[in-house]
Amino acid sequence: MHDEMGYIVAKGPEELTKALNEILETSQKDSQFKASPHFVLYELGHQKSMIKMDTSEWPVIFWHYDLLGRPATTTVKDVLARFSWEKCGEKEWYFKEKGVTEQDVMNSEYSLEDAFLDWKKCIFDEKNH
């Protein structure tokens, strides 16, 4: 999974999602792996960035550093947000904070996607990550 430099190379959003899933799954089985930081070199066209994933804490923590100093792209934010929402307990945290259940949302005019977009706006789009 890791190359000789200690990081995973992921080209495009699908490979990034796959790498994040592999890191999370391995960290759930291996406590030594979980305690170590994990790095993904993300490439999309000419843009390259390093993403650090800390699985030693819950929810998982991410850091993003573009190799040319640019902010995270919409694609990177979308992948990290969707992964955090679906795999890292952020959906459950959001519903707990709102005082509702997932079933409550499913039974209302407010969809799960609306809930995700509301959470993403607060966490990813309004903060400087």
N, C-alpha and C. Protein backbone atom coordinates (compact mmCIF):
# COMPACT_ATOMS: atom_id res chain seq x y z
N MET A 1 0.82 -1.19 0.00
CA MET A 1 0.00 0.00 0.00
C MET A 1 0.87 1.26 0.00
N HIS A 2 1.91 1.31 0.86
CA HIS A 2 2.80 2.47 0.90
C HIS A 2 3.97 2.25 -0.03
N ASP A 3 4.45 3.33 -0.65
CA ASP A 3 5.63 3.19 -1.50
C ASP A 3 6.90 3.32 -0.66
N GLU A 4 8.04 3.32 -1.31
CA GLU A 4 9.31 3.36 -0.58
C GLU A 4 9.52 4.66 0.20
N MET A 5 8.80 5.71 -0.14
CA MET A 5 8.92 6.98 0.58
C MET A 5 7.97 7.04 1.78
N GLY A 6 7.11 6.04 1.92
CA GLY A 6 6.21 5.99 3.07
C GLY A 6 4.84 6.57 2.83
N TYR A 7 4.52 6.94 1.62
CA TYR A 7 3.20 7.46 1.34
C TYR A 7 2.56 6.69 0.19
N ILE A 8 1.27 6.89 0.07
CA ILE A 8 0.48 6.26 -0.99
C ILE A 8 0.30 7.28 -2.10
N VAL A 9 0.45 6.87 -3.33
CA VAL A 9 0.19 7.75 -4.46
C VAL A 9 -1.23 7.46 -4.95
N ALA A 10 -2.04 8.50 -5.03
CA ALA A 10 -3.41 8.38 -5.51
C ALA A 10 -3.61 9.37 -6.64
N LYS A 11 -3.94 8.85 -7.80
CA LYS A 11 -4.17 9.71 -8.98
C LYS A 11 -5.66 9.79 -9.24
N GLY A 12 -6.22 10.94 -8.91
CA GLY A 12 -7.64 11.16 -9.13
C GLY A 12 -8.48 10.84 -7.90
N PRO A 13 -9.72 11.31 -7.91
CA PRO A 13 -10.60 11.15 -6.75
C PRO A 13 -10.93 9.70 -6.41
N GLU A 14 -11.06 8.84 -7.40
CA GLU A 14 -11.38 7.44 -7.12
C GLU A 14 -10.24 6.76 -6.37
N GLU A 15 -9.01 7.00 -6.81
CA GLU A 15 -7.86 6.41 -6.11
C GLU A 15 -7.69 7.00 -4.73
N LEU A 16 -8.00 8.29 -4.56
CA LEU A 16 -7.92 8.90 -3.24
C LEU A 16 -8.92 8.24 -2.30
N THR A 17 -10.14 8.07 -2.75
CA THR A 17 -11.16 7.40 -1.94
C THR A 17 -10.72 5.99 -1.58
N LYS A 18 -10.19 5.28 -2.55
CA LYS A 18 -9.72 3.90 -2.31
C LYS A 18 -8.60 3.90 -1.27
N ALA A 19 -7.65 4.82 -1.38
CA ALA A 19 -6.54 4.89 -0.43
C ALA A 19 -7.04 5.20 0.98
N LEU A 20 -7.97 6.14 1.11
CA LEU A 20 -8.51 6.49 2.42
C LEU A 20 -9.23 5.29 3.04
N ASN A 21 -10.00 4.58 2.24
CA ASN A 21 -10.69 3.38 2.73
C ASN A 21 -9.70 2.33 3.21
N GLU A 22 -8.64 2.10 2.45
CA GLU A 22 -7.63 1.10 2.82
C GLU A 22 -6.94 1.49 4.13
N ILE A 23 -6.62 2.77 4.27
CA ILE A 23 -5.98 3.23 5.50
C ILE A 23 -6.92 3.02 6.69
N LEU A 24 -8.17 3.41 6.54
CA LEU A 24 -9.13 3.26 7.63
C LEU A 24 -9.33 1.79 7.99
N GLU A 25 -9.52 0.95 7.00
CA GLU A 25 -9.73 -0.47 7.26
C GLU A 25 -8.53 -1.11 7.95
N THR A 26 -7.33 -0.79 7.49
CA THR A 26 -6.13 -1.35 8.10
C THR A 26 -5.97 -0.84 9.53
N SER A 27 -6.27 0.44 9.75
CA SER A 27 -6.13 1.00 11.10
C SER A 27 -7.11 0.37 12.09
N GLN A 28 -8.23 -0.12 11.60
CA GLN A 28 -9.21 -0.77 12.47
C GLN A 28 -8.76 -2.17 12.89
N LYS A 29 -7.82 -2.74 12.14
CA LYS A 29 -7.34 -4.09 12.43
C LYS A 29 -5.98 -4.11 13.11
N ASP A 30 -5.20 -3.03 12.96
CA ASP A 30 -3.81 -3.02 13.40
C ASP A 30 -3.56 -1.76 14.25
N SER A 31 -3.37 -1.94 15.56
CA SER A 31 -3.21 -0.79 16.45
C SER A 31 -1.92 -0.02 16.20
N GLN A 32 -0.87 -0.70 15.78
CA GLN A 32 0.38 0.00 15.46
C GLN A 32 0.19 0.89 14.23
N PHE A 33 -0.48 0.35 13.24
CA PHE A 33 -0.77 1.12 12.02
C PHE A 33 -1.66 2.31 12.37
N LYS A 34 -2.65 2.09 13.23
CA LYS A 34 -3.57 3.15 13.63
C LYS A 34 -2.85 4.30 14.30
N ALA A 35 -1.82 4.00 15.08
CA ALA A 35 -1.10 5.02 15.83
C ALA A 35 -0.16 5.87 14.97
N SER A 36 0.10 5.44 13.75
CA SER A 36 1.03 6.15 12.87
C SER A 36 0.28 7.09 11.93
N PRO A 37 0.88 8.22 11.60
CA PRO A 37 0.26 9.08 10.58
C PRO A 37 0.43 8.45 9.20
N HIS A 38 -0.51 8.72 8.33
CA HIS A 38 -0.48 8.17 6.97
C HIS A 38 -0.55 9.31 5.97
N PHE A 39 0.22 9.18 4.91
CA PHE A 39 0.32 10.24 3.93
C PHE A 39 -0.07 9.74 2.55
N VAL A 40 -0.85 10.56 1.86
CA VAL A 40 -1.26 10.26 0.50
C VAL A 40 -0.79 11.40 -0.39
N LEU A 41 -0.01 11.06 -1.43
CA LEU A 41 0.35 12.04 -2.44
C LEU A 41 -0.75 12.00 -3.48
N TYR A 42 -1.55 13.04 -3.50
CA TYR A 42 -2.70 13.10 -4.39
C TYR A 42 -2.33 13.89 -5.64
N GLU A 43 -2.59 13.30 -6.78
CA GLU A 43 -2.29 13.95 -8.05
C GLU A 43 -3.57 14.04 -8.88
N LEU A 44 -3.81 15.21 -9.41
CA LEU A 44 -4.92 15.42 -10.33
C LEU A 44 -4.41 16.38 -11.39
N GLY A 45 -4.14 15.84 -12.56
CA GLY A 45 -3.53 16.64 -13.61
C GLY A 45 -2.15 17.09 -13.16
N HIS A 46 -1.91 18.41 -13.23
CA HIS A 46 -0.61 18.95 -12.82
C HIS A 46 -0.57 19.30 -11.34
N GLN A 47 -1.69 19.21 -10.68
CA GLN A 47 -1.72 19.57 -9.26
C GLN A 47 -1.35 18.36 -8.41
N LYS A 48 -0.48 18.60 -7.44
CA LYS A 48 -0.08 17.57 -6.49
C LYS A 48 -0.22 18.13 -5.09
N SER A 49 -0.72 17.30 -4.21
CA SER A 49 -0.84 17.72 -2.82
C SER A 49 -0.60 16.53 -1.91
N MET A 50 -0.21 16.83 -0.70
CA MET A 50 0.02 15.81 0.31
C MET A 50 -1.14 15.89 1.29
N ILE A 51 -1.73 14.75 1.56
CA ILE A 51 -2.82 14.66 2.53
C ILE A 51 -2.35 13.75 3.65
N LYS A 52 -2.42 14.26 4.86
CA LYS A 52 -2.06 13.47 6.03
C LYS A 52 -3.36 13.03 6.69
N MET A 53 -3.41 11.76 7.03
CA MET A 53 -4.59 11.19 7.68
C MET A 53 -4.15 10.63 9.03
N ASP A 54 -4.73 11.16 10.10
CA ASP A 54 -4.41 10.71 11.45
C ASP A 54 -5.56 9.84 11.94
N THR A 55 -5.31 8.54 12.00
CA THR A 55 -6.34 7.59 12.44
C THR A 55 -6.25 7.29 13.93
N SER A 56 -5.30 7.92 14.62
CA SER A 56 -5.14 7.65 16.05
C SER A 56 -6.23 8.32 16.88
N GLU A 57 -6.94 9.27 16.29
CA GLU A 57 -8.03 9.96 16.97
C GLU A 57 -9.33 9.72 16.21
N TRP A 58 -10.44 9.90 16.92
CA TRP A 58 -11.74 9.78 16.28
C TRP A 58 -12.54 11.01 16.59
N PRO A 59 -13.09 11.69 15.65
CA PRO A 59 -13.05 11.33 14.24
C PRO A 59 -11.65 11.51 13.65
N VAL A 60 -11.44 10.86 12.56
CA VAL A 60 -10.17 10.94 11.85
C VAL A 60 -9.88 12.39 11.51
N ILE A 61 -8.61 12.76 11.56
CA ILE A 61 -8.21 14.14 11.27
C ILE A 61 -7.41 14.15 9.97
N PHE A 62 -7.69 15.15 9.12
CA PHE A 62 -6.97 15.31 7.86
C PHE A 62 -6.25 16.65 7.83
N TRP A 63 -5.09 16.65 7.18
CA TRP A 63 -4.37 17.88 6.85
C TRP A 63 -4.13 17.84 5.35
N HIS A 64 -4.19 18.99 4.73
CA HIS A 64 -3.95 19.08 3.29
C HIS A 64 -2.88 20.12 3.03
N TYR A 65 -1.91 19.76 2.18
CA TYR A 65 -0.89 20.72 1.79
C TYR A 65 -0.64 20.57 0.29
N ASP A 66 -0.99 21.59 -0.45
CA ASP A 66 -0.72 21.59 -1.88
C ASP A 66 0.76 21.89 -2.08
N LEU A 67 1.41 21.16 -2.96
CA LEU A 67 2.85 21.31 -3.14
C LEU A 67 3.24 22.65 -3.76
N LEU A 68 2.26 23.38 -4.31
CA LEU A 68 2.53 24.73 -4.81
C LEU A 68 1.87 25.79 -3.93
N GLY A 69 1.37 25.38 -2.76
CA GLY A 69 0.81 26.34 -1.81
C GLY A 69 -0.60 26.80 -2.10
N ARG A 70 -1.29 26.16 -3.01
CA ARG A 70 -2.67 26.55 -3.33
C ARG A 70 -3.63 25.93 -2.32
N PRO A 71 -4.83 26.50 -2.20
CA PRO A 71 -5.82 25.90 -1.30
C PRO A 71 -6.32 24.57 -1.88
N ALA A 72 -6.93 23.79 -1.04
CA ALA A 72 -7.48 22.50 -1.48
C ALA A 72 -8.51 22.74 -2.57
N THR A 73 -8.49 21.88 -3.56
CA THR A 73 -9.46 21.99 -4.65
C THR A 73 -10.83 21.52 -4.17
N THR A 74 -11.83 21.87 -4.92
CA THR A 74 -13.19 21.41 -4.62
C THR A 74 -13.24 19.89 -4.63
N THR A 75 -12.52 19.26 -5.55
CA THR A 75 -12.51 17.80 -5.64
C THR A 75 -11.95 17.19 -4.37
N VAL A 76 -10.83 17.70 -3.88
CA VAL A 76 -10.23 17.17 -2.65
C VAL A 76 -11.18 17.37 -1.48
N LYS A 77 -11.74 18.57 -1.35
CA LYS A 77 -12.68 18.83 -0.27
C LYS A 77 -13.87 17.88 -0.34
N ASP A 78 -14.39 17.66 -1.55
CA ASP A 78 -15.54 16.77 -1.71
C ASP A 78 -15.22 15.34 -1.29
N VAL A 79 -14.06 14.84 -1.70
CA VAL A 79 -13.68 13.46 -1.34
C VAL A 79 -13.50 13.34 0.17
N LEU A 80 -12.76 14.27 0.77
CA LEU A 80 -12.53 14.21 2.21
C LEU A 80 -13.83 14.38 3.00
N ALA A 81 -14.69 15.27 2.54
CA ALA A 81 -15.96 15.49 3.22
C ALA A 81 -16.84 14.25 3.13
N ARG A 82 -16.98 13.70 1.94
CA ARG A 82 -17.84 12.51 1.77
C ARG A 82 -17.31 11.33 2.59
N PHE A 83 -15.98 11.17 2.58
CA PHE A 83 -15.37 10.09 3.35
C PHE A 83 -15.61 10.28 4.84
N SER A 84 -15.40 11.50 5.33
CA SER A 84 -15.60 11.80 6.75
C SER A 84 -17.05 11.58 7.15
N TRP A 85 -17.96 11.98 6.31
CA TRP A 85 -19.39 11.85 6.57
C TRP A 85 -19.81 10.38 6.61
N GLU A 86 -19.38 9.63 5.63
CA GLU A 86 -19.84 8.25 5.50
C GLU A 86 -19.06 7.25 6.36
N LYS A 87 -17.77 7.47 6.56
CA LYS A 87 -16.93 6.45 7.20
C LYS A 87 -16.38 6.82 8.57
N CYS A 88 -16.40 8.09 8.90
CA CYS A 88 -15.68 8.52 10.10
C CYS A 88 -16.58 9.10 11.19
N GLY A 89 -17.87 8.80 11.14
CA GLY A 89 -18.77 9.18 12.21
C GLY A 89 -19.30 10.60 12.17
N GLU A 90 -18.98 11.35 11.14
CA GLU A 90 -19.44 12.74 11.09
C GLU A 90 -20.95 12.83 10.90
N LYS A 91 -21.54 11.90 10.16
CA LYS A 91 -22.99 11.90 9.97
C LYS A 91 -23.68 11.71 11.32
N GLU A 92 -23.20 10.76 12.12
CA GLU A 92 -23.79 10.50 13.42
C GLU A 92 -23.62 11.70 14.35
N TRP A 93 -22.44 12.33 14.31
CA TRP A 93 -22.19 13.51 15.12
C TRP A 93 -23.16 14.63 14.74
N TYR A 94 -23.34 14.85 13.44
CA TYR A 94 -24.22 15.90 12.95
C TYR A 94 -25.64 15.70 13.46
N PHE A 95 -26.15 14.47 13.33
CA PHE A 95 -27.52 14.20 13.77
C PHE A 95 -27.65 14.38 15.28
N LYS A 96 -26.64 13.96 16.02
CA LYS A 96 -26.66 14.13 17.48
C LYS A 96 -26.70 15.62 17.83
N GLU A 97 -25.87 16.42 17.15
CA GLU A 97 -25.84 17.86 17.41
C GLU A 97 -27.17 18.52 17.06
N LYS A 98 -27.83 18.04 16.03
CA LYS A 98 -29.11 18.60 15.60
C LYS A 98 -30.28 18.05 16.42
N GLY A 99 -30.02 16.99 17.19
CA GLY A 99 -31.08 16.40 18.00
C GLY A 99 -32.09 15.60 17.20
N VAL A 100 -31.64 15.05 16.08
CA VAL A 100 -32.51 14.24 15.23
C VAL A 100 -31.82 12.92 14.91
N THR A 101 -32.58 12.01 14.36
CA THR A 101 -32.00 10.74 13.90
C THR A 101 -31.99 10.73 12.38
N GLU A 102 -31.25 9.81 11.84
CA GLU A 102 -31.22 9.66 10.38
C GLU A 102 -32.63 9.34 9.87
N GLN A 103 -33.36 8.55 10.63
CA GLN A 103 -34.74 8.20 10.25
C GLN A 103 -35.63 9.44 10.22
N ASP A 104 -35.43 10.36 11.20
CA ASP A 104 -36.20 11.61 11.21
C ASP A 104 -35.99 12.36 9.91
N VAL A 105 -34.75 12.42 9.48
CA VAL A 105 -34.42 13.15 8.25
C VAL A 105 -35.05 12.45 7.05
N MET A 106 -34.95 11.13 7.02
CA MET A 106 -35.50 10.38 5.90
C MET A 106 -37.02 10.53 5.82
N ASN A 107 -37.67 10.80 6.95
CA ASN A 107 -39.12 10.96 6.98
C ASN A 107 -39.56 12.42 6.78
N SER A 108 -38.62 13.28 6.48
CA SER A 108 -38.95 14.70 6.30
C SER A 108 -38.65 15.12 4.86
N GLU A 109 -38.92 16.39 4.58
CA GLU A 109 -38.59 16.94 3.26
C GLU A 109 -37.09 17.21 3.13
N TYR A 110 -36.40 17.22 4.24
CA TYR A 110 -34.96 17.46 4.31
C TYR A 110 -34.26 16.13 4.06
N SER A 111 -33.53 16.01 2.98
CA SER A 111 -32.92 14.73 2.60
C SER A 111 -31.57 14.52 3.29
N LEU A 112 -31.10 13.28 3.22
CA LEU A 112 -29.75 12.99 3.74
C LEU A 112 -28.70 13.81 3.00
N GLU A 113 -28.91 14.01 1.72
CA GLU A 113 -27.95 14.83 0.95
C GLU A 113 -27.99 16.28 1.44
N ASP A 114 -29.18 16.79 1.77
CA ASP A 114 -29.28 18.14 2.33
C ASP A 114 -28.52 18.22 3.65
N ALA A 115 -28.66 17.18 4.48
CA ALA A 115 -27.94 17.15 5.76
C ALA A 115 -26.44 17.15 5.52
N PHE A 116 -25.98 16.33 4.57
CA PHE A 116 -24.56 16.28 4.25
C PHE A 116 -24.07 17.65 3.78
N LEU A 117 -24.80 18.27 2.88
CA LEU A 117 -24.38 19.57 2.34
C LEU A 117 -24.36 20.64 3.43
N ASP A 118 -25.32 20.59 4.35
CA ASP A 118 -25.33 21.53 5.47
C ASP A 118 -24.09 21.34 6.34
N TRP A 119 -23.80 20.08 6.69
CA TRP A 119 -22.61 19.76 7.49
C TRP A 119 -21.34 20.18 6.75
N LYS A 120 -21.24 19.83 5.48
CA LYS A 120 -20.04 20.15 4.68
C LYS A 120 -19.82 21.66 4.62
N LYS A 121 -20.88 22.40 4.44
CA LYS A 121 -20.76 23.86 4.38
C LYS A 121 -20.17 24.40 5.68
N CYS A 122 -20.64 23.89 6.80
CA CYS A 122 -20.14 24.36 8.09
C CYS A 122 -18.70 23.93 8.35
N ILE A 123 -18.37 22.70 8.00
CA ILE A 123 -17.06 22.14 8.35
C ILE A 123 -16.00 22.42 7.29
N PHE A 124 -16.32 22.26 6.03
CA PHE A 124 -15.32 22.34 4.98
C PHE A 124 -15.31 23.67 4.23
N ASP A 125 -16.47 24.26 4.06
CA ASP A 125 -16.54 25.43 3.18
C ASP A 125 -16.43 26.76 3.92
N GLU A 126 -16.81 26.78 5.19
CA GLU A 126 -16.76 28.04 5.92
C GLU A 126 -15.53 28.19 6.79
N LYS A 127 -14.78 27.09 6.93
CA LYS A 127 -13.53 27.15 7.69
C LYS A 127 -12.37 27.13 6.71
N ASN A 128 -11.25 27.61 7.15
CA ASN A 128 -10.07 27.65 6.30
C ASN A 128 -9.23 26.41 6.56
N HIS A 129 -9.54 25.29 5.87
CA HIS A 129 -8.82 24.02 6.04
C HIS A 129 -7.80 23.87 4.95
